Amino acid sequence: MTLLAGAAAVTALLASGCSAGQIAETAAKVPSVPGVSGDVTSTDGSFSVRNALVVYHGGGYEAGADAPLDLHIFNNTGKDVTVTVTSPDAESVTLAAGAKGTPSPSASPSASPSPTPSATATPSGTPTATPTGEATPSAEPTPAAEPPARPASVQIPAGSFAALNAGGQQFIELVGLSEELKPGEMVELVLDFGGGAKLTLAVPMGVPLTPVPRGSAEAGEGEH
């Protein structure tokens, strides 16, 4: 798992920008607002990600927890695109839905109805002899293994964008973090736009929207 300390990551990015004179397509830009942004070019234009961040959670996220993200993805080309989002720092990445951040249930195959045994007619006349020996029990069906989770995919029309926010209709969510994620650390996010256009970002955790409460200060002895 790749978790980078916030201050160290920013320093490294600034140093690499000064020495190289340009920012690589897979490098994260340091924005003036919370979150990280990046761009990648394609044969038909470019794609952009703006203000990507992990939604703040007091104390961070434990290993195995799910972490929602906020980000905007722009399709600056003349073609529709399907963006695939993955992360090496989580078991899977899903596209969740619901204003309250409720993940949309994955469609599960409907269970095959159990056959209804037909009623056995009572034979008239003399009953037939019961065959000797025990009947061989039928083998129980083996439950099918669940298919692996598919990467999150976002469809964006040409010249349009997708606003993916945890408080909106849809958002990206990291499912099953590999390690604990604390404030000031980052998680790696990979966005594949197809055709070789791929963007890798080190996404930081956001800041609290309201000030963190502090304990009441007690007046020292001798103060008036």
C-alpha atoms as a PDB file:
ATOM      1  CA  MET A   1       0.000   0.000   0.000  1.00  0.00           C
ATOM      2  CA  THR A   2       1.275   3.477  -0.859  1.00  0.00           C
ATOM      3  CA  LEU A   3       0.443   6.022   1.789  1.00  0.00           C
ATOM      4  CA  LEU A   4       2.460   9.239   1.678  1.00  0.00           C
ATOM      5  CA  ALA A   5       2.708  11.855   4.413  1.00  0.00           C
ATOM      6  CA  GLY A   6       1.143  15.092   3.219  1.00  0.00           C
ATOM      7  CA  ALA A   7       4.045  17.444   3.901  1.00  0.00           C
ATOM      8  CA  ALA A   8       6.633  15.078   2.447  1.00  0.00           C
ATOM      9  CA  ALA A   9       4.581  14.520  -0.705  1.00  0.00           C
ATOM     10  CA  VAL A  10       4.097  18.254  -1.325  1.00  0.00           C
ATOM     11  CA  THR A  11       7.813  18.914  -0.807  1.00  0.00           C
ATOM     12  CA  ALA A  12       8.739  16.137  -3.225  1.00  0.00           C
ATOM     13  CA  LEU A  13       6.358  17.438  -5.878  1.00  0.00           C
ATOM     14  CA  LEU A  14       7.679  20.989  -5.602  1.00  0.00           C
ATOM     15  CA  ALA A  15      11.265  19.773  -5.801  1.00  0.00           C
ATOM     16  CA  SER A  16      10.599  17.629  -8.870  1.00  0.00           C
ATOM     17  CA  GLY A  17       8.760  20.489 -10.590  1.00  0.00           C
ATOM     18  CA  CYS A  18      11.674  22.876 -10.086  1.00  0.00           C
ATOM     19  CA  SER A  19      14.295  20.438 -11.338  1.00  0.00           C
ATOM     20  CA  ALA A  20      12.402  19.096 -14.349  1.00  0.00           C
ATOM     21  CA  GLY A  21      10.788  22.347 -15.434  1.00  0.00           C
ATOM     22  CA  GLN A  22       7.487  20.602 -16.137  1.00  0.00           C
ATOM     23  CA  ILE A  23       4.989  18.338 -14.440  1.00  0.00           C
ATOM     24  CA  ALA A  24       4.637  14.790 -15.712  1.00  0.00           C
ATOM     25  CA  GLU A  25       1.176  13.569 -16.694  1.00  0.00           C
ATOM     26  CA  THR A  26       1.140  11.056 -13.833  1.00  0.00           C
ATOM     27  CA  ALA A  27       2.265  13.592 -11.217  1.00  0.00           C
ATOM     28  CA  ALA A  28      -0.163  15.386  -8.913  1.00  0.00           C
ATOM     29  CA  LYS A  29      -0.401  19.147  -9.116  1.00  0.00           C
ATOM     30  CA  VAL A  30      -0.508  21.128  -5.897  1.00  0.00           C
ATOM     31  CA  PRO A  31      -3.699  23.243  -6.023  1.00  0.00           C
ATOM     32  CA  SER A  32      -4.592  26.352  -4.046  1.00  0.00           C
ATOM     33  CA  VAL A  33      -7.761  24.636  -2.788  1.00  0.00           C
ATOM     34  CA  PRO A  34      -8.142  21.369  -0.838  1.00  0.00           C
ATOM     35  CA  GLY A  35      -7.571  18.275  -2.935  1.00  0.00           C
ATOM     36  CA  VAL A  36      -5.260  17.341  -5.776  1.00  0.00           C
ATOM     37  CA  SER A  37      -5.629  17.945  -9.528  1.00  0.00           C
ATOM     38  CA  GLY A  38      -4.058  16.509 -12.667  1.00  0.00           C
ATOM     39  CA  ASP A  39      -4.294  16.379 -16.447  1.00  0.00           C
ATOM     40  CA  VAL A  40      -3.520  13.814 -19.143  1.00  0.00           C
ATOM     41  CA  THR A  41      -3.599  14.257 -22.908  1.00  0.00           C
ATOM     42  CA  SER A  42      -5.080  11.938 -25.529  1.00  0.00           C
ATOM     43  CA  THR A  43      -5.204  11.848 -29.321  1.00  0.00           C
ATOM     44  CA  ASP A  44      -8.493  13.767 -29.271  1.00  0.00           C
ATOM     45  CA  GLY A  45      -7.871  16.291 -26.503  1.00  0.00           C
ATOM     46  CA  SER A  46      -7.301  15.978 -22.793  1.00  0.00           C
ATOM     47  CA  PHE A  47      -8.832  14.764 -19.536  1.00  0.00           C
ATOM     48  CA  SER A  48      -8.681  16.567 -16.213  1.00  0.00           C
ATOM     49  CA  VAL A  49      -9.298  15.734 -12.566  1.00  0.00           C
ATOM     50  CA  ARG A  50      -9.905  18.557 -10.119  1.00  0.00           C
ATOM     51  CA  ASN A  51      -9.929  18.771  -6.308  1.00  0.00           C
ATOM     52  CA  ALA A  52      -9.751  15.035  -5.606  1.00  0.00           C
ATOM     53  CA  LEU A  53      -9.724  14.214  -1.890  1.00  0.00           C
ATOM     54  CA  VAL A  54     -10.743  11.594   0.632  1.00  0.00           C
ATOM     55  CA  VAL A  55     -13.692  12.862   2.663  1.00  0.00           C
ATOM     56  CA  TYR A  56     -12.461  13.946   6.089  1.00  0.00           C
ATOM     57  CA  HIS A  57     -13.177  11.630   8.981  1.00  0.00           C
ATOM     58  CA  GLY A  58     -12.133  12.512  12.506  1.00  0.00           C
ATOM     59  CA  GLY A  59      -9.264  10.261  13.529  1.00  0.00           C
ATOM     60  CA  GLY A  60      -8.913   8.868   9.998  1.00  0.00           C
ATOM     61  CA  TYR A  61     -10.009   5.485   8.632  1.00  0.00           C
ATOM     62  CA  GLU A  62      -9.094   2.087  10.048  1.00  0.00           C
ATOM     63  CA  ALA A  63      -7.641  -0.690   7.913  1.00  0.00           C
ATOM     64  CA  GLY A  64     -10.486  -2.499   6.147  1.00  0.00           C
ATOM     65  CA  ALA A  65     -12.804   0.523   6.338  1.00  0.00           C
ATOM     66  CA  ASP A  66     -14.513   2.178   3.358  1.00  0.00           C
ATOM     67  CA  ALA A  67     -13.515   5.739   2.428  1.00  0.00           C
ATOM     68  CA  PRO A  68     -15.633   8.024   0.171  1.00  0.00           C
ATOM     69  CA  LEU A  69     -13.970  10.472  -2.232  1.00  0.00           C
ATOM     70  CA  ASP A  70     -14.864  13.840  -3.721  1.00  0.00           C
ATOM     71  CA  LEU A  71     -13.588  14.743  -7.189  1.00  0.00           C
ATOM     72  CA  HIS A  72     -14.524  16.218 -10.561  1.00  0.00           C
ATOM     73  CA  ILE A  73     -13.572  14.540 -13.854  1.00  0.00           C
ATOM     74  CA  PHE A  74     -13.579  16.560 -17.100  1.00  0.00           C
ATOM     75  CA  ASN A  75     -13.754  15.092 -20.592  1.00  0.00           C
ATOM     76  CA  ASN A  76     -12.167  17.746 -22.827  1.00  0.00           C
ATOM     77  CA  THR A  77     -12.436  15.664 -25.989  1.00  0.00           C
ATOM     78  CA  GLY A  78     -14.934  15.212 -28.788  1.00  0.00           C
ATOM     79  CA  LYS A  79     -15.787  11.630 -27.832  1.00  0.00           C
ATOM     80  CA  ASP A  80     -17.689   9.962 -25.015  1.00  0.00           C
ATOM     81  CA  VAL A  81     -15.400   8.225 -22.545  1.00  0.00           C
ATOM     82  CA  THR A  82     -15.697   5.558 -19.877  1.00  0.00           C
ATOM     83  CA  VAL A  83     -13.274   6.166 -17.022  1.00  0.00           C
ATOM     84  CA  THR A  84     -12.135   3.179 -14.980  1.00  0.00           C
ATOM     85  CA  VAL A  85     -11.042   3.976 -11.419  1.00  0.00           C
ATOM     86  CA  THR A  86      -8.842   1.655  -9.338  1.00  0.00           C
ATOM     87  CA  SER A  87      -6.536   1.895  -6.341  1.00  0.00           C
ATOM     88  CA  PRO A  88      -3.715  -0.356  -5.093  1.00  0.00           C
ATOM     89  CA  ASP A  89      -4.530   0.812  -1.563  1.00  0.00           C
ATOM     90  CA  ALA A  90      -7.994  -0.787  -1.337  1.00  0.00           C
ATOM     91  CA  GLU A  91      -9.615  -4.127  -2.101  1.00  0.00           C
ATOM     92  CA  SER A  92     -11.850  -2.478  -4.692  1.00  0.00           C
ATOM     93  CA  VAL A  93     -13.230   0.859  -5.877  1.00  0.00           C
ATOM     94  CA  THR A  94     -16.963   1.278  -6.420  1.00  0.00           C
ATOM     95  CA  LEU A  95     -19.317   3.894  -7.821  1.00  0.00           C
ATOM     96  CA  ALA A  96     -21.793   4.489  -5.020  1.00  0.00           C
ATOM     97  CA  ALA A  97     -25.094   6.346  -5.250  1.00  0.00           C
ATOM     98  CA  GLY A  98     -27.418   8.205  -2.916  1.00  0.00           C
ATOM     99  CA  ALA A  99     -27.494  11.662  -1.402  1.00  0.00           C
ATOM    100  CA  LYS A 100     -26.637  10.197   2.003  1.00  0.00           C
ATOM    101  CA  GLY A 101     -23.733   8.186   0.694  1.00  0.00           C
ATOM    102  CA  THR A 102     -25.554   4.874   0.480  1.00  0.00           C
ATOM    103  CA  PRO A 103     -23.759   2.528  -1.935  1.00  0.00           C
ATOM    104  CA  SER A 104     -25.952   1.285  -4.737  1.00  0.00           C
ATOM    105  CA  PRO A 105     -26.606  -2.457  -4.326  1.00  0.00           C
ATOM    106  CA  SER A 106     -24.790  -4.595  -6.832  1.00  0.00           C
ATOM    107  CA  ALA A 107     -27.051  -6.591  -9.072  1.00  0.00           C
ATOM    108  CA  SER A 108     -26.945 -10.192  -8.002  1.00  0.00           C
ATOM    109  CA  PRO A 109     -28.117 -12.983 -10.253  1.00  0.00           C
ATOM    110  CA  SER A 110     -31.598 -14.164  -9.382  1.00  0.00           C
ATOM    111  CA  ALA A 111     -31.702 -17.560  -7.759  1.00  0.00           C
ATOM    112  CA  SER A 112     -33.127 -20.345  -9.833  1.00  0.00           C
ATOM    113  CA  PRO A 113     -36.507 -21.416  -8.468  1.00  0.00           C
ATOM    114  CA  SER A 114     -36.493 -24.758  -6.750  1.00  0.00           C
ATOM    115  CA  PRO A 115     -38.505 -27.314  -8.689  1.00  0.00           C
ATOM    116  CA  THR A 116     -41.828 -28.135  -7.036  1.00  0.00           C
ATOM    117  CA  PRO A 117     -42.160 -31.857  -6.489  1.00  0.00           C
ATOM    118  CA  SER A 118     -45.150 -33.260  -8.302  1.00  0.00           C
ATOM    119  CA  ALA A 119     -47.786 -34.965  -6.217  1.00  0.00           C
ATOM    120  CA  THR A 120     -47.484 -38.751  -6.220  1.00  0.00           C
ATOM    121  CA  ALA A 121     -50.704 -40.461  -7.231  1.00  0.00           C
ATOM    122  CA  THR A 122     -51.894 -43.274  -4.978  1.00  0.00           C
ATOM    123  CA  PRO A 123     -52.014 -46.432  -7.053  1.00  0.00           C
ATOM    124  CA  SER A 124     -55.296 -48.286  -7.024  1.00  0.00           C
ATOM    125  CA  GLY A 125     -55.499 -51.968  -6.537  1.00  0.00           C
ATOM    126  CA  THR A 126     -52.746 -54.088  -5.079  1.00  0.00           C
ATOM    127  CA  PRO A 127     -49.723 -52.063  -3.991  1.00  0.00           C
ATOM    128  CA  THR A 128     -46.479 -52.916  -5.716  1.00  0.00           C
ATOM    129  CA  ALA A 129     -43.608 -54.375  -3.725  1.00  0.00           C
ATOM    130  CA  THR A 130     -41.113 -51.925  -2.260  1.00  0.00           C
ATOM    131  CA  PRO A 131     -37.671 -52.404  -3.850  1.00  0.00           C
ATOM    132  CA  THR A 132     -34.926 -53.469  -1.533  1.00  0.00           C
ATOM    133  CA  GLY A 133     -31.885 -51.349  -0.832  1.00  0.00           C
ATOM    134  CA  GLU A 134     -31.537 -47.715   0.152  1.00  0.00           C
ATOM    135  CA  ALA A 135     -32.069 -44.968  -2.342  1.00  0.00           C
ATOM    136  CA  THR A 136     -28.946 -43.016  -3.358  1.00  0.00           C
ATOM    137  CA  PRO A 137     -29.266 -39.429  -2.103  1.00  0.00           C
ATOM    138  CA  SER A 138     -28.945 -36.754  -4.777  1.00  0.00           C
ATOM    139  CA  ALA A 139     -25.832 -34.579  -4.594  1.00  0.00           C
ATOM    140  CA  GLU A 140     -26.392 -31.132  -3.143  1.00  0.00           C
ATOM    141  CA  PRO A 141     -25.585 -28.261  -5.547  1.00  0.00           C
ATOM    142  CA  THR A 142     -22.295 -26.463  -4.900  1.00  0.00           C
ATOM    143  CA  PRO A 143     -22.857 -22.751  -4.251  1.00  0.00           C
ATOM    144  CA  ALA A 144     -21.362 -20.597  -7.001  1.00  0.00           C
ATOM    145  CA  ALA A 145     -18.424 -18.431  -5.999  1.00  0.00           C
ATOM    146  CA  GLU A 146     -19.043 -14.687  -6.001  1.00  0.00           C
ATOM    147  CA  PRO A 147     -17.438 -12.945  -8.978  1.00  0.00           C
ATOM    148  CA  PRO A 148     -14.611 -10.503  -8.165  1.00  0.00           C
ATOM    149  CA  ALA A 149     -15.637  -6.893  -7.744  1.00  0.00           C
ATOM    150  CA  ARG A 150     -15.389  -4.880 -10.944  1.00  0.00           C
ATOM    151  CA  PRO A 151     -13.513  -1.563 -10.994  1.00  0.00           C
ATOM    152  CA  ALA A 152     -15.646   1.557 -10.770  1.00  0.00           C
ATOM    153  CA  SER A 153     -16.492   2.990 -14.190  1.00  0.00           C
ATOM    154  CA  VAL A 154     -17.822   6.467 -14.933  1.00  0.00           C
ATOM    155  CA  GLN A 155     -19.320   7.413 -18.303  1.00  0.00           C
ATOM    156  CA  ILE A 156     -18.762  11.043 -19.339  1.00  0.00           C
ATOM    157  CA  PRO A 157     -20.137  12.525 -22.601  1.00  0.00           C
ATOM    158  CA  ALA A 158     -17.877  14.511 -24.933  1.00  0.00           C
ATOM    159  CA  GLY A 159     -17.104  18.002 -23.647  1.00  0.00           C
ATOM    160  CA  SER A 160     -18.801  17.297 -20.318  1.00  0.00           C
ATOM    161  CA  PHE A 161     -17.795  16.445 -16.750  1.00  0.00           C
ATOM    162  CA  ALA A 162     -18.802  14.307 -13.775  1.00  0.00           C
ATOM    163  CA  ALA A 163     -19.142  15.811 -10.296  1.00  0.00           C
ATOM    164  CA  LEU A 164     -18.652  12.903  -7.882  1.00  0.00           C
ATOM    165  CA  ASN A 165     -19.345  14.044  -4.327  1.00  0.00           C
ATOM    166  CA  ALA A 166     -20.223  11.990  -1.261  1.00  0.00           C
ATOM    167  CA  GLY A 167     -23.149  14.331  -0.575  1.00  0.00           C
ATOM    168  CA  GLY A 168     -24.469  14.126  -4.138  1.00  0.00           C
ATOM    169  CA  GLN A 169     -26.083  11.504  -6.334  1.00  0.00           C
ATOM    170  CA  GLN A 170     -22.910   9.539  -7.087  1.00  0.00           C
ATOM    171  CA  PHE A 171     -19.419   9.279  -5.654  1.00  0.00           C
ATOM    172  CA  ILE A 172     -16.315   7.116  -5.779  1.00  0.00           C
ATOM    173  CA  GLU A 173     -15.644   4.967  -2.698  1.00  0.00           C
ATOM    174  CA  LEU A 174     -12.582   2.972  -1.691  1.00  0.00           C
ATOM    175  CA  VAL A 175     -13.781  -0.349  -0.272  1.00  0.00           C
ATOM    176  CA  GLY A 176     -11.572  -2.173   2.229  1.00  0.00           C
ATOM    177  CA  LEU A 177      -8.520   0.030   2.810  1.00  0.00           C
ATOM    178  CA  SER A 178      -5.310  -1.995   2.916  1.00  0.00           C
ATOM    179  CA  GLU A 179      -3.915   0.043   5.798  1.00  0.00           C
ATOM    180  CA  GLU A 180      -4.997   2.706   8.239  1.00  0.00           C
ATOM    181  CA  LEU A 181      -5.402   6.127   6.635  1.00  0.00           C
ATOM    182  CA  LYS A 182      -4.737   9.107   8.901  1.00  0.00           C
ATOM    183  CA  PRO A 183      -5.218  12.854   8.335  1.00  0.00           C
ATOM    184  CA  GLY A 184      -2.214  14.219   6.463  1.00  0.00           C
ATOM    185  CA  GLU A 185      -1.660  10.964   4.531  1.00  0.00           C
ATOM    186  CA  MET A 186      -2.519  10.137   0.929  1.00  0.00           C
ATOM    187  CA  VAL A 187      -3.950   7.217  -0.992  1.00  0.00           C
ATOM    188  CA  GLU A 188      -3.103   6.329  -4.595  1.00  0.00           C
ATOM    189  CA  LEU A 189      -5.864   6.568  -7.201  1.00  0.00           C
ATOM    190  CA  VAL A 190      -5.538   5.434 -10.836  1.00  0.00           C
ATOM    191  CA  LEU A 191      -7.901   6.733 -13.528  1.00  0.00           C
ATOM    192  CA  ASP A 192      -7.805   4.982 -16.902  1.00  0.00           C
ATOM    193  CA  PHE A 193      -9.451   6.905 -19.754  1.00  0.00           C
ATOM    194  CA  GLY A 194      -8.629   4.289 -22.378  1.00  0.00           C
ATOM    195  CA  GLY A 195      -6.365   4.570 -25.386  1.00  0.00           C
ATOM    196  CA  GLY A 196      -3.286   4.724 -23.160  1.00  0.00           C
ATOM    197  CA  ALA A 197      -4.459   7.864 -21.327  1.00  0.00           C
ATOM    198  CA  LYS A 198      -3.963   7.075 -17.646  1.00  0.00           C
ATOM    199  CA  LEU A 199      -3.625   9.388 -14.652  1.00  0.00           C
ATOM    200  CA  THR A 200      -2.222   8.423 -11.242  1.00  0.00           C
ATOM    201  CA  LEU A 201      -2.882  10.751  -8.309  1.00  0.00           C
ATOM    202  CA  ALA A 202      -1.809  10.795  -4.658  1.00  0.00           C
ATOM    203  CA  VAL A 203      -5.127  11.843  -3.103  1.00  0.00           C
ATOM    204  CA  PRO A 204      -4.991  13.443   0.367  1.00  0.00           C
ATOM    205  CA  MET A 205      -7.614  13.415   3.072  1.00  0.00           C
ATOM    206  CA  GLY A 206      -9.703  16.567   3.181  1.00  0.00           C
ATOM    207  CA  VAL A 207      -9.899  19.055   6.001  1.00  0.00           C
ATOM    208  CA  PRO A 208     -12.839  19.353   8.443  1.00  0.00           C
ATOM    209  CA  LEU A 209     -15.585  21.722   7.325  1.00  0.00           C
ATOM    210  CA  THR A 210     -15.974  23.064  10.849  1.00  0.00           C
ATOM    211  CA  PRO A 211     -13.244  23.842  13.418  1.00  0.00           C
ATOM    212  CA  VAL A 212     -12.235  20.905  15.581  1.00  0.00           C
ATOM    213  CA  PRO A 213     -13.574  21.521  19.123  1.00  0.00           C
ATOM    214  CA  ARG A 214     -10.959  22.251  21.743  1.00  0.00           C
ATOM    215  CA  GLY A 215     -11.055  21.715  25.479  1.00  0.00           C
ATOM    216  CA  SER A 216     -11.954  24.726  27.597  1.00  0.00           C
ATOM    217  CA  ALA A 217      -8.891  26.513  28.938  1.00  0.00           C
ATOM    218  CA  GLU A 218      -8.737  26.900  32.690  1.00  0.00           C
ATOM    219  CA  ALA A 219      -7.502  30.147  34.149  1.00  0.00           C
ATOM    220  CA  GLY A 220      -4.161  29.844  35.902  1.00  0.00           C
ATOM    221  CA  GLU A 221      -3.672  30.729  39.540  1.00  0.00           C
ATOM    222  CA  GLY A 222      -3.160  34.399  40.198  1.00  0.00           C
ATOM    223  CA  GLU A 223      -5.049  35.571  37.087  1.00  0.00           C
ATOM    224  CA  HIS A 224      -7.696  38.248  37.514  1.00  0.00           C
END
